[in-house]
Every structure is written in structure tokens, then in C-alpha cells.
Amino acid sequence: MNKVLLILSIFIGSVLTTQAQQAKDAPAKQEIKEEKKEEIKALDPDANLYEDEEGNFVETTKPIFNFLSEETHNFGELDEGPKYDHEFKFENIGKEPMIIAGVKASCGCTTPDWPKEPIMPGEVGAIKVIYNTKGRKGKFNKAVTITSNSVTPTKRLYIKGNVNEAAPDQPVKPKSLIENK
């Protein structure tokens, strides 16, 4: 019985200690949030706030990609033989013109096409990706890498799907000279 009371009192003590620590930390967390709000208010009106990979907010005037749909396109089931394409539309939400230096596909079966002229702030552009299914049956997942002057100088888009094998061509039986008579 004494052991049960001892265990119960230790448990209650640790719960109360945890709650007290959380209550003590709550004002500090609130102060940090208030500081961040003040930092955001103090932004340069000619800059944008951008969240980097670590979750930090960075003030920048550089161009920023804002893709208007997905950054991965699933073609689904495709027939072997023809070429299929998809446009990845984006908007430059930065304060400076966006210049796309190049777009490179991960293999020769994928051909990208992109705007060669600068995309001004607020303008919409598109990167067209063409996938050639000829001789490529089975699942695929291809990357297209964009190099630009944006806040993220390297950006990747993806296409994927499954190419179904084309029906084999039926050989044409040559007509015999004997059958024609």
C-alpha cells in the first residue's frame, strides 16, 4: 500500500511540475511572437518576406516563383508512341524581373521550353515540358531543373506517369501470285 501511495505522489508531483514549467514558458513564447510581428511591421516597403528552407523569414527584392498549380504533374496512363506535354504556369511575385538562365531535363526523353525574355513582377510565365513515350514503356518519374535569378536559384519540377506498351504491329501477309488467279 505504501508503494502505491509513493508512486502516486511521484506521478502527481511530476504532472504539477510540468504544468508549472509550461505556464512559466508561455509568456516567453508570446514575447517572441510579438517581436516577430514588430520585425514584420518594420519591413522595407520595396521588399517581400520569403520563408527559406529552415523556416526563417528573409526580406528580399529578388524574383520569387509562385507556381499557380502543382510542381509535380502526373500524366497517369499514357500510350506508347506519341509525345505528351504539360505547362507549369508560374507568377513572379518578387519585386525584380525574373530571368530564367536555363531549364534542363534529367534525360533525353524530356524536352523543356521556357520564356527567354524576363518575366516582370506580377507577370505570369510557363515552362512547357514535353515527354516522348516512343520506346519507353513502364513507370517514369523525371525531373526538370530551372536555373534563374530568383530567391531560389535552382528549382525542380517533376513529371511522372506510366507508359502502356503499344499493341504490336501486325505483319502484312504478302499476296501470292497464285492466289490472285
Protein backbone atom coordinates (compact mmCIF):
# COMPACT_ATOMS: atom_id res chain seq x y z
CA MET A 1 0.00 0.00 0.00
CA ASN A 2 2.89 2.37 0.83
CA LYS A 3 4.48 1.68 -2.55
CA VAL A 4 1.26 2.60 -4.37
CA LEU A 5 0.98 5.86 -2.42
CA LEU A 6 4.63 6.67 -3.14
CA ILE A 7 4.24 6.04 -6.89
CA LEU A 8 1.00 8.06 -6.97
CA SER A 9 2.58 11.02 -5.18
CA ILE A 10 5.61 10.97 -7.55
CA PHE A 11 3.28 10.93 -10.55
CA ILE A 12 1.17 13.84 -9.25
CA GLY A 13 4.34 15.80 -8.41
CA SER A 14 5.77 15.39 -11.92
CA VAL A 15 2.46 16.41 -13.55
CA LEU A 16 2.29 19.56 -11.44
CA THR A 17 5.95 20.39 -12.18
CA THR A 18 5.36 20.00 -15.95
CA GLN A 19 2.29 22.24 -15.86
CA ALA A 20 4.14 24.89 -13.87
CA GLN A 21 7.04 24.86 -16.37
CA GLN A 22 4.64 25.22 -19.32
CA ALA A 23 2.88 28.15 -17.64
CA LYS A 24 6.27 29.78 -16.99
CA ASP A 25 7.34 29.36 -20.67
CA ALA A 26 4.07 30.68 -22.16
CA PRO A 27 4.84 34.43 -21.64
CA ALA A 28 8.32 33.99 -23.19
CA LYS A 29 6.81 32.39 -26.30
CA GLN A 30 4.27 35.22 -26.52
CA GLU A 31 7.09 37.79 -26.32
CA ILE A 32 8.92 36.08 -29.21
CA LYS A 33 5.73 36.20 -31.33
CA GLU A 34 5.34 39.89 -30.57
CA GLU A 35 8.96 40.55 -31.57
CA LYS A 36 8.39 38.77 -34.91
CA LYS A 37 5.27 40.89 -35.50
CA GLU A 38 7.32 44.03 -34.90
CA GLU A 39 10.01 42.79 -37.31
CA ILE A 40 7.38 42.17 -40.00
CA LYS A 41 5.94 45.67 -39.49
CA ALA A 42 9.44 47.14 -39.94
CA LEU A 43 9.89 45.62 -43.43
CA ASP A 44 11.15 47.65 -46.32
CA PRO A 45 8.06 48.50 -48.42
CA ASP A 46 10.08 47.64 -51.56
CA ALA A 47 10.81 44.08 -50.34
CA ASN A 48 8.98 40.80 -49.93
CA LEU A 49 9.08 38.43 -46.99
CA TYR A 50 10.26 34.98 -48.07
CA GLU A 51 10.41 31.80 -45.97
CA ASP A 52 13.63 29.85 -46.59
CA GLU A 53 14.24 26.09 -46.21
CA GLU A 54 14.93 26.41 -42.46
CA GLY A 55 11.66 28.27 -41.85
CA ASN A 56 13.33 31.66 -41.36
CA PHE A 57 11.73 34.73 -42.90
CA VAL A 58 14.07 36.70 -45.13
CA GLU A 59 13.47 40.15 -46.58
CA THR A 60 14.22 40.21 -50.32
CA THR A 61 13.54 42.11 -53.52
CA LYS A 62 14.62 39.17 -55.72
CA PRO A 63 12.14 37.45 -58.04
CA ILE A 64 10.08 34.67 -56.43
CA PHE A 65 8.47 31.71 -58.23
CA ASN A 66 4.82 31.20 -57.31
CA PHE A 67 3.56 28.15 -59.21
CA LEU A 68 -0.13 28.51 -59.94
CA SER A 69 -0.76 24.77 -59.83
CA GLU A 70 1.29 21.74 -58.86
CA GLU A 71 5.06 21.41 -59.12
CA THR A 72 4.67 17.68 -59.91
CA HIS A 73 2.43 16.65 -62.80
CA ASN A 74 1.11 13.09 -63.02
CA PHE A 75 0.22 12.19 -66.60
CA GLY A 76 -1.39 8.96 -65.43
CA GLU A 77 -1.64 6.18 -68.02
CA LEU A 78 -0.16 7.01 -71.44
CA ASP A 79 0.04 5.12 -74.70
CA GLU A 80 3.50 4.32 -76.02
CA GLY A 81 4.49 6.28 -79.13
CA PRO A 82 3.20 9.86 -79.07
CA LYS A 83 4.63 12.89 -77.27
CA TYR A 84 2.74 14.39 -74.34
CA ASP A 85 3.20 17.86 -72.88
CA HIS A 86 2.30 19.86 -69.78
CA GLU A 87 2.70 23.55 -68.91
CA PHE A 88 3.79 24.57 -65.43
CA LYS A 89 2.42 28.10 -65.03
CA PHE A 90 4.01 30.46 -62.52
CA GLU A 91 3.86 34.09 -61.43
CA ASN A 92 6.81 36.29 -60.47
CA ILE A 93 5.70 37.64 -57.08
CA GLY A 94 9.07 39.30 -56.44
CA LYS A 95 9.99 42.94 -56.93
CA GLU A 96 12.57 42.44 -59.72
CA PRO A 97 12.38 40.91 -63.23
CA MET A 98 12.92 37.14 -63.29
CA ILE A 99 15.46 35.83 -65.76
CA ILE A 100 15.46 32.09 -66.43
CA ALA A 101 19.02 31.21 -67.44
CA GLY A 102 18.19 27.63 -68.39
CA VAL A 103 15.95 24.63 -67.92
CA LYS A 104 17.46 21.15 -68.07
CA ALA A 105 15.70 17.78 -68.17
CA SER A 106 17.03 14.70 -66.38
CA CYS A 107 17.10 12.67 -69.62
CA GLY A 108 16.79 12.98 -73.39
CA CYS A 109 13.17 11.77 -73.43
CA THR A 110 12.04 15.04 -71.83
CA THR A 111 12.28 18.39 -73.62
CA PRO A 112 11.66 21.68 -71.78
CA ASP A 113 10.68 25.03 -73.30
CA TRP A 114 10.73 28.26 -71.27
CA PRO A 115 10.41 32.03 -71.69
CA LYS A 116 13.69 33.57 -72.86
CA GLU A 117 12.62 37.15 -72.07
CA PRO A 118 12.46 38.45 -68.46
CA ILE A 119 9.22 37.87 -66.53
CA MET A 120 8.37 41.17 -64.89
CA PRO A 121 6.97 41.38 -61.33
CA GLY A 122 3.31 40.31 -61.34
CA GLU A 123 3.57 38.66 -64.78
CA VAL A 124 2.74 35.03 -65.49
CA GLY A 125 5.01 32.68 -67.41
CA ALA A 126 5.01 28.99 -68.26
CA ILE A 127 7.54 26.20 -68.57
CA LYS A 128 6.40 23.61 -71.09
CA VAL A 129 7.66 20.05 -70.66
CA ILE A 130 7.31 17.51 -73.49
CA TYR A 131 7.71 13.79 -72.76
CA ASN A 132 8.40 11.38 -75.64
CA THR A 133 6.93 7.94 -74.93
CA LYS A 134 8.36 6.21 -78.02
CA GLY A 135 10.21 3.10 -76.85
CA ARG A 136 9.69 3.98 -73.17
CA LYS A 137 7.20 1.62 -71.58
CA GLY A 138 6.65 1.40 -67.84
CA LYS A 139 6.61 3.89 -64.98
CA PHE A 140 8.59 7.11 -65.20
CA ASN A 141 9.47 9.98 -62.87
CA LYS A 142 11.52 12.75 -64.49
CA ALA A 143 12.95 15.97 -63.06
CA VAL A 144 13.28 19.32 -64.82
CA THR A 145 15.73 21.74 -63.19
CA ILE A 146 15.25 25.51 -63.56
CA THR A 147 18.19 27.89 -63.10
CA SER A 148 17.26 31.55 -62.59
CA ASN A 149 17.99 34.75 -60.67
CA SER A 150 15.13 34.07 -58.24
CA VAL A 151 15.45 33.84 -54.47
CA THR A 152 15.72 30.07 -55.03
CA PRO A 153 18.25 29.97 -57.89
CA THR A 154 17.63 26.26 -58.55
CA LYS A 155 14.08 24.91 -58.66
CA ARG A 156 12.86 21.43 -59.66
CA LEU A 157 9.65 20.37 -61.34
CA TYR A 158 8.61 16.75 -61.86
CA ILE A 159 6.56 14.74 -64.34
CA LYS A 160 5.52 11.16 -63.78
CA GLY A 161 3.21 8.51 -65.14
CA ASN A 162 3.05 5.07 -66.69
CA VAL A 163 3.52 4.27 -70.37
CA ASN A 164 1.49 1.29 -71.56
CA GLU A 165 3.07 -0.91 -74.21
CA ALA A 166 1.74 -0.28 -77.70
CA ALA A 167 -0.03 -3.11 -79.48
CA PRO A 168 2.46 -4.92 -81.72
CA ASP A 169 2.14 -4.15 -85.40
CA GLN A 170 0.51 -6.97 -87.32
CA PRO A 171 2.67 -8.09 -90.20
CA VAL A 172 1.04 -7.75 -93.59
CA LYS A 173 0.84 -11.06 -95.35
CA PRO A 174 2.15 -10.66 -98.89
CA LYS A 175 -0.24 -11.79 -101.60
CA SER A 176 0.84 -14.70 -103.61
CA LEU A 177 0.77 -14.57 -107.40
CA ILE A 178 -1.02 -17.92 -107.35
CA GLU A 179 -3.82 -16.61 -105.10
CA ASN A 180 -4.53 -13.72 -107.49
CA LYS A 181 -5.52 -16.04 -110.31
